[in-house]
Each structure stands twice: as C-alpha cells, then as structure tokens.
Amino acid sequence: MHRIRVVRHASERGGWEMALATPPPALAPLIRDYCGFREAMPQPMRRQELPGVQVVLILEFGPLLKHLDDAGRVTRHRSGFVAGLDERWSTTEHNGESHGLQVNLTPLGARRLFGLPMHELSHRVTGLEDLWGAEARRLVEQLEEAPDWATRFARADAFLLKRAEQGPAVDGGVRWAVERIHQTGGQVDIATLARELGHSHKHLIHRFHEQVGLPPRRLARLLRFDRAVERIKAGGPVRWAELALEMGYFDQAHLNRDFRQFTGGPPSALLRRVLPDAGGFESGA
C-alpha cells in the first residue's frame, strides 16, 4: 500500500495536481519515487528538466509531451518515453493539458527493467514502445482507465515487479560502489572504490558504463548537484557558500560551475524559477 501525498496548485497561471509516492519495499532498490500529474493551463507550459541520478520513465495518458533537448531537437513519443542519465538539461512542453505518471528509476533499477546495457539509454530520450512494444500501450491504457492514483500506482507496481523478475541480474560490485557513492554524498575517491573492489580503474569504469550508463566520477558529480537541487526545491533562504560546503563542493565557485553546466545559469537563476506546490522548474527559454 502506497502512502500518497497529493499536492494541488491553482492560480492565475493555471492548475495542477501532483500525486507523490514512494515505492513498496520490493521495488525500493529499483525506484526512487513516483509522481502522478494532471495539469490544466490557460497557455502552453514549458519546464526545464535537470540532469540527476535517476532514469526518468514517463507514462502519458493525455496529449503527448513535447521533448526538446539542449540543441533544440523536438521529439514526441506515443505511450511515453525514457530519459537516461545525462549531463545536459532538456525541456518539456505541452499546449495546456498534461496527464500521466512519472517513475524515477535508479540506474540499476532501469538496468533490471529494460534489460539493456545502460549506455544505450544514456544521453538520449527513447520512446517507451521502442523498448516494451505493445506492453507499453497496454500498461498506459490500464493506468489511464484506473479510477484513482492509488489504483494506478498498484497497477504500475505489479507490472514493474514482473519486468524486474524477468530482467538481468545486477553486478554486485557495481551495486556496492553505487551505494558507497550515495552514502558519501558523491565524495568518495573513485580510485579507492576500485581498489576496495579489487578492480582496475579501467575495469570499474567499463562495468559502470554497462550497468549504470555513466562512469563513477561523473555519477558522483551528478549526485552532488542533485542534492543541491533538492535543497533549492525545499524552499527557504539559501546561503550559497554554505550550501556548497554542505554538498561536498570545494567552494562556491565549483558549485556555480556545475550549475552553469547543468542548468545554463547560476543557482540563483534556478531558484527564481522554482514553481510552487511540487511544480518543478519553469523553463528560462
């Protein structure tokens, strides 16, 4: 049984409902969290989608989202799409209506659920039907027909558990290394990881390439950035120098460097674009 927190927003810019939930214990190693969404806006809406340490699965019930990468290329995908680990931001846009379910997967969870070498999903957006075929359409239809979010989450759980049972085993050493990166907030020395596993640095990078989709050092950097973004989303005053040290950056200049690469501007600019009530980040474009 999911514990669901529903957040609603209504203002002159429009309205949205976000149903936020964590996975059941059986799926906790595979799924970071869920977000069901339904929006009705008076005009087109653009959001900036930031890089992070999750593989994003979008299941679409309503009009299809338009996805734009940082080079301006536009794609739409029937049923939904998967956005692999990346170090670039992107943009999603809809014409006023949006309805669907976002499942934020751990990289190793995505490996189990899609059964692919993860570098094949990294740095790109892939249509869900290209990965799951007719199963993707049936899943979306079942979720769209559900009477409420609790039923949708339960149906998604059942489907994902079945997929996980059929998926490939995850490398135990890579799992341990990923856990260490998270436990240390991305501050563990990668050479130390390789030595403790009894691998060469080159071999560890190769295993991460296949199982995670990014090398361990770049995953650690994304984790520090992701934690800083979560702090900004939490609201309240932010002292940038203190945040940099708290998140494991050498200094504020290194924090600013990552934000400029991953968001296109300084952290203060991202703070100004936080949407209320779990709405994400408005695009600066």
Protein backbone atom coordinates (compact mmCIF):
# COMPACT_ATOMS: atom_id res chain seq x y z
CA MET A 1 0.00 0.00 0.00
CA HIS A 2 1.41 3.35 -1.05
CA ARG A 3 1.48 6.38 1.16
CA ILE A 4 0.40 9.05 -1.29
CA ARG A 5 0.73 12.80 -0.82
CA VAL A 6 -1.39 14.82 -3.22
CA VAL A 7 -0.35 18.44 -3.83
CA ARG A 8 -2.63 20.81 -5.73
CA HIS A 9 -2.00 24.26 -7.13
CA ALA A 10 -4.41 26.85 -8.51
CA SER A 11 -3.50 30.39 -9.56
CA GLU A 12 -3.74 32.76 -12.49
CA ARG A 13 -1.14 30.68 -14.33
CA GLY A 14 -3.34 27.56 -14.15
CA GLY A 15 -3.67 24.48 -12.01
CA TRP A 16 -2.03 21.14 -11.42
CA GLU A 17 -2.27 18.08 -9.23
CA MET A 18 0.80 16.09 -8.25
CA ALA A 19 0.41 12.70 -6.53
CA LEU A 20 3.74 11.87 -4.86
CA ALA A 21 4.55 8.38 -3.60
CA THR A 22 7.48 6.15 -2.67
CA PRO A 23 7.68 2.54 -3.91
CA PRO A 24 6.83 -0.54 -1.84
CA PRO A 25 9.80 -2.36 -0.26
CA ALA A 26 10.07 -4.92 -3.07
CA LEU A 27 10.67 -2.13 -5.59
CA ALA A 28 12.65 0.27 -3.39
CA PRO A 29 16.06 -0.76 -4.85
CA LEU A 30 14.72 -0.07 -8.35
CA ILE A 31 12.54 3.01 -7.97
CA ARG A 32 13.36 6.31 -6.30
CA ASP A 33 9.80 7.68 -6.31
CA TYR A 34 6.61 8.22 -8.30
CA CYS A 35 4.87 11.41 -9.38
CA GLY A 36 1.41 11.28 -10.93
CA PHE A 37 0.49 14.53 -12.66
CA ARG A 38 -2.51 16.26 -14.21
CA GLU A 39 -2.39 19.84 -15.45
CA ALA A 40 -4.81 22.34 -16.97
CA MET A 41 -3.14 25.58 -18.02
CA PRO A 42 -4.51 28.59 -19.94
CA GLN A 43 -1.45 28.60 -22.23
CA PRO A 44 1.44 26.36 -23.25
CA MET A 45 3.75 25.36 -20.40
CA ARG A 46 7.49 24.77 -20.58
CA ARG A 47 9.58 23.19 -17.83
CA GLN A 48 13.31 22.75 -17.56
CA GLU A 49 14.21 19.13 -16.82
CA LEU A 50 17.50 18.91 -14.98
CA PRO A 51 20.07 16.11 -15.03
CA GLY A 52 20.12 13.91 -11.96
CA VAL A 53 20.90 10.44 -10.68
CA GLN A 54 17.63 8.88 -11.82
CA VAL A 55 16.47 7.39 -15.11
CA VAL A 56 13.10 9.00 -15.84
CA LEU A 57 10.20 6.91 -17.14
CA ILE A 58 7.18 8.92 -18.35
CA LEU A 59 3.84 7.17 -18.98
CA GLU A 60 1.47 9.51 -20.84
CA PHE A 61 -2.34 9.37 -20.60
CA GLY A 62 -3.22 12.71 -22.18
CA PRO A 63 -1.84 14.84 -25.03
CA LEU A 64 1.76 13.89 -25.72
CA LEU A 65 4.52 15.93 -24.13
CA LYS A 66 6.95 17.61 -26.48
CA HIS A 67 10.56 16.97 -25.50
CA LEU A 68 13.30 19.42 -26.57
CA ASP A 69 16.98 18.77 -26.00
CA ASP A 70 19.56 21.50 -25.43
CA ALA A 71 20.21 21.66 -29.19
CA GLY A 72 16.52 22.37 -29.90
CA ARG A 73 15.65 18.97 -31.37
CA VAL A 74 11.98 18.10 -30.74
CA THR A 75 10.51 14.63 -30.18
CA ARG A 76 7.16 13.16 -29.14
CA HIS A 77 6.65 9.53 -28.19
CA ARG A 78 3.40 7.61 -28.11
CA SER A 79 2.72 6.00 -24.70
CA GLY A 80 5.71 7.70 -23.13
CA PHE A 81 9.48 7.77 -23.06
CA VAL A 82 12.60 7.02 -21.04
CA ALA A 83 15.25 9.67 -20.38
CA GLY A 84 18.56 8.05 -19.48
CA LEU A 85 21.31 9.53 -17.33
CA ASP A 86 22.63 12.71 -18.86
CA GLU A 87 24.71 15.76 -18.03
CA ARG A 88 22.58 18.15 -20.06
CA TRP A 89 19.29 19.77 -19.25
CA SER A 90 16.29 19.46 -21.54
CA THR A 91 12.82 20.99 -21.83
CA THR A 92 9.33 19.51 -21.83
CA GLU A 93 6.37 21.41 -23.22
CA HIS A 94 2.64 20.88 -23.51
CA ASN A 95 -0.09 23.02 -25.02
CA GLY A 96 -2.07 23.42 -21.82
CA GLU A 97 -3.05 19.88 -20.85
CA SER A 98 -0.89 17.15 -19.39
CA HIS A 99 -1.75 13.88 -17.64
CA GLY A 100 0.48 10.95 -16.81
CA LEU A 101 2.78 9.18 -14.39
CA GLN A 102 6.49 9.75 -13.87
CA VAL A 103 8.56 6.93 -12.39
CA ASN A 104 12.06 7.92 -11.28
CA LEU A 105 14.21 4.80 -11.56
CA THR A 106 17.58 4.12 -10.04
CA PRO A 107 20.13 3.38 -12.80
CA LEU A 108 20.46 -0.22 -11.61
CA GLY A 109 16.67 -0.47 -11.49
CA ALA A 110 16.49 0.67 -15.10
CA ARG A 111 19.06 -1.99 -15.97
CA ARG A 112 16.74 -4.65 -14.49
CA LEU A 113 13.57 -3.27 -16.05
CA PHE A 114 14.82 -2.63 -19.58
CA GLY A 115 17.45 -5.37 -19.81
CA LEU A 116 19.85 -3.24 -21.86
CA PRO A 117 23.42 -2.08 -21.41
CA MET A 118 22.73 1.27 -19.79
CA HIS A 119 24.99 3.25 -22.11
CA GLU A 120 22.36 2.56 -24.79
CA LEU A 121 19.89 4.73 -22.83
CA SER A 122 22.29 7.41 -21.57
CA HIS A 123 22.37 10.87 -23.17
CA ARG A 124 19.14 10.28 -25.06
CA VAL A 125 15.36 10.03 -24.86
CA THR A 126 13.89 6.74 -26.10
CA GLY A 127 10.27 6.02 -26.92
CA LEU A 128 8.75 3.52 -24.50
CA GLU A 129 7.20 1.47 -27.29
CA ASP A 130 10.68 1.06 -28.77
CA LEU A 131 11.64 -0.69 -25.52
CA TRP A 132 8.48 -2.53 -24.44
CA GLY A 133 6.42 -2.65 -27.65
CA ALA A 134 2.73 -3.45 -27.24
CA GLU A 135 3.24 -3.97 -23.50
CA ALA A 136 3.81 -0.24 -23.16
CA ARG A 137 0.48 0.59 -24.83
CA ARG A 138 -1.43 -1.91 -22.68
CA LEU A 139 0.16 -0.58 -19.49
CA VAL A 140 -0.71 3.02 -20.33
CA GLU A 141 -4.30 2.04 -21.19
CA GLN A 142 -4.68 0.20 -17.85
CA LEU A 143 -3.30 3.14 -15.91
CA GLU A 144 -5.40 5.71 -17.74
CA GLU A 145 -8.58 3.71 -17.05
CA ALA A 146 -7.83 3.43 -13.30
CA PRO A 147 -10.25 5.39 -11.07
CA ASP A 148 -7.61 6.99 -8.82
CA TRP A 149 -3.89 7.39 -8.15
CA ALA A 150 -3.75 4.56 -5.62
CA THR A 151 -5.02 2.11 -8.23
CA ARG A 152 -2.60 3.46 -10.83
CA PHE A 153 0.36 3.04 -8.50
CA ALA A 154 -0.71 -0.50 -7.60
CA ARG A 155 -1.03 -1.46 -11.28
CA ALA A 156 2.33 0.11 -12.07
CA ASP A 157 3.89 -1.82 -9.17
CA ALA A 158 2.56 -5.15 -10.45
CA PHE A 159 3.84 -4.51 -13.96
CA LEU A 160 7.27 -3.34 -12.83
CA LEU A 161 7.71 -6.23 -10.41
CA LYS A 162 7.01 -8.67 -13.23
CA ARG A 163 9.51 -6.90 -15.50
CA ALA A 164 12.13 -6.93 -12.75
CA GLU A 165 11.73 -10.68 -12.25
CA GLN A 166 12.50 -11.19 -15.93
CA GLY A 167 15.42 -8.75 -16.01
CA PRO A 168 19.15 -9.44 -15.84
CA ALA A 169 20.99 -9.67 -12.53
CA VAL A 170 22.85 -6.58 -11.38
CA ASP A 171 26.61 -6.77 -10.80
CA GLY A 172 27.11 -6.95 -7.02
CA GLY A 173 30.33 -4.95 -7.10
CA VAL A 174 28.73 -2.14 -9.08
CA ARG A 175 25.77 -2.12 -6.69
CA TRP A 176 28.14 -1.79 -3.74
CA ALA A 177 30.06 1.02 -5.46
CA VAL A 178 26.87 2.94 -6.28
CA GLU A 179 25.73 2.61 -2.66
CA ARG A 180 29.10 3.94 -1.47
CA ILE A 181 28.81 6.94 -3.79
CA HIS A 182 25.38 7.72 -2.35
CA GLN A 183 26.43 7.13 1.26
CA THR A 184 29.29 9.60 0.91
CA GLY A 185 27.26 12.20 -0.97
CA GLY A 186 29.48 11.76 -4.02
CA GLN A 187 32.69 12.47 -2.08
CA VAL A 188 34.28 9.01 -2.21
CA ASP A 189 37.56 8.69 -4.10
CA ILE A 190 36.98 6.57 -7.20
CA ALA A 191 40.47 5.04 -7.05
CA THR A 192 39.62 3.86 -3.54
CA LEU A 193 36.42 2.23 -4.82
CA ALA A 194 38.33 0.34 -7.48
CA ARG A 195 40.98 -0.79 -5.03
CA GLU A 196 38.42 -1.99 -2.45
CA LEU A 197 36.65 -3.98 -5.17
CA GLY A 198 39.91 -5.45 -6.42
CA HIS A 199 39.38 -3.96 -9.89
CA SER A 200 41.49 -1.73 -12.04
CA HIS A 201 40.17 1.79 -12.53
CA LYS A 202 39.57 0.96 -16.20
CA HIS A 203 37.58 -2.19 -15.38
CA LEU A 204 35.36 -0.32 -12.88
CA ILE A 205 34.58 2.35 -15.49
CA HIS A 206 33.70 -0.38 -18.00
CA ARG A 207 31.30 -2.05 -15.56
CA PHE A 208 29.63 1.28 -14.75
CA HIS A 209 29.31 2.02 -18.47
CA GLU A 210 27.29 -1.18 -18.90
CA GLN A 211 25.35 -1.29 -15.60
CA VAL A 212 24.82 2.42 -14.82
CA GLY A 213 25.40 4.36 -18.02
CA LEU A 214 27.98 6.86 -16.71
CA PRO A 215 31.44 6.45 -15.16
CA PRO A 216 31.55 6.58 -11.34
CA ARG A 217 33.21 10.00 -11.15
CA ARG A 218 30.51 11.60 -13.29
CA LEU A 219 27.77 9.85 -11.31
CA ALA A 220 29.27 11.27 -8.11
CA ARG A 221 29.30 14.76 -9.61
CA LEU A 222 25.66 14.45 -10.65
CA LEU A 223 24.77 13.27 -7.14
CA ARG A 224 26.27 16.39 -5.54
CA PHE A 225 24.36 18.57 -7.99
CA ASP A 226 21.13 16.60 -7.49
CA ARG A 227 21.34 17.04 -3.71
CA ALA A 228 21.84 20.79 -4.14
CA VAL A 229 18.79 20.99 -6.41
CA GLU A 230 16.67 19.14 -3.85
CA ARG A 231 17.74 21.70 -1.25
CA ILE A 232 16.64 24.54 -3.54
CA LYS A 233 13.30 22.84 -4.20
CA ALA A 234 12.71 22.51 -0.46
CA GLY A 235 12.35 26.31 -0.23
CA GLY A 236 13.60 28.73 2.38
CA PRO A 237 16.64 31.01 2.31
CA VAL A 238 19.80 29.63 0.74
CA ARG A 239 23.35 30.76 1.50
CA TRP A 240 25.31 29.58 -1.50
CA ALA A 241 28.73 29.28 0.14
CA GLU A 242 27.24 27.20 2.98
CA LEU A 243 25.29 25.05 0.51
CA ALA A 244 28.45 24.38 -1.50
CA LEU A 245 30.29 23.08 1.57
CA GLU A 246 27.28 21.10 2.78
CA MET A 247 27.02 19.30 -0.58
CA GLY A 248 30.72 18.46 -0.75
CA TYR A 249 31.92 21.13 -3.19
CA PHE A 250 35.38 22.57 -2.70
CA ASP A 251 33.92 26.08 -2.71
CA GLN A 252 31.08 28.18 -4.13
CA ALA A 253 32.90 28.61 -7.44
CA HIS A 254 32.74 24.85 -8.04
CA LEU A 255 29.03 24.83 -7.17
CA ASN A 256 28.46 27.67 -9.65
CA ARG A 257 30.44 25.79 -12.33
CA ASP A 258 28.19 22.73 -12.07
CA PHE A 259 25.01 24.79 -12.10
CA ARG A 260 26.10 26.68 -15.20
CA GLN A 261 26.86 23.40 -16.98
CA PHE A 262 23.76 21.53 -15.80
CA THR A 263 21.17 24.36 -15.86
CA GLY A 264 22.62 27.03 -18.15
CA GLY A 265 22.98 29.63 -15.39
CA PRO A 266 23.91 30.28 -11.76
CA PRO A 267 22.00 28.66 -8.88
CA SER A 268 20.30 31.96 -8.05
CA ALA A 269 18.66 31.94 -11.51
CA LEU A 270 17.30 28.43 -10.92
CA LEU A 271 15.94 29.49 -7.51
CA ARG A 272 13.88 32.21 -9.19
CA ARG A 273 12.27 29.64 -11.50
CA VAL A 274 11.05 27.20 -8.83
CA LEU A 275 7.35 26.53 -9.35
CA PRO A 276 5.19 26.18 -6.21
CA ASP A 277 3.49 23.02 -4.99
CA ALA A 278 5.87 20.42 -6.48
CA GLY A 279 5.59 22.02 -9.89
CA GLY A 280 9.26 21.70 -10.84
CA PHE A 281 11.20 24.44 -12.64
CA GLU A 282 9.83 26.82 -15.22
CA SER A 283 11.96 26.99 -18.33
CA GLY A 284 14.10 30.08 -18.72
CA ALA A 285 13.88 29.84 -22.52
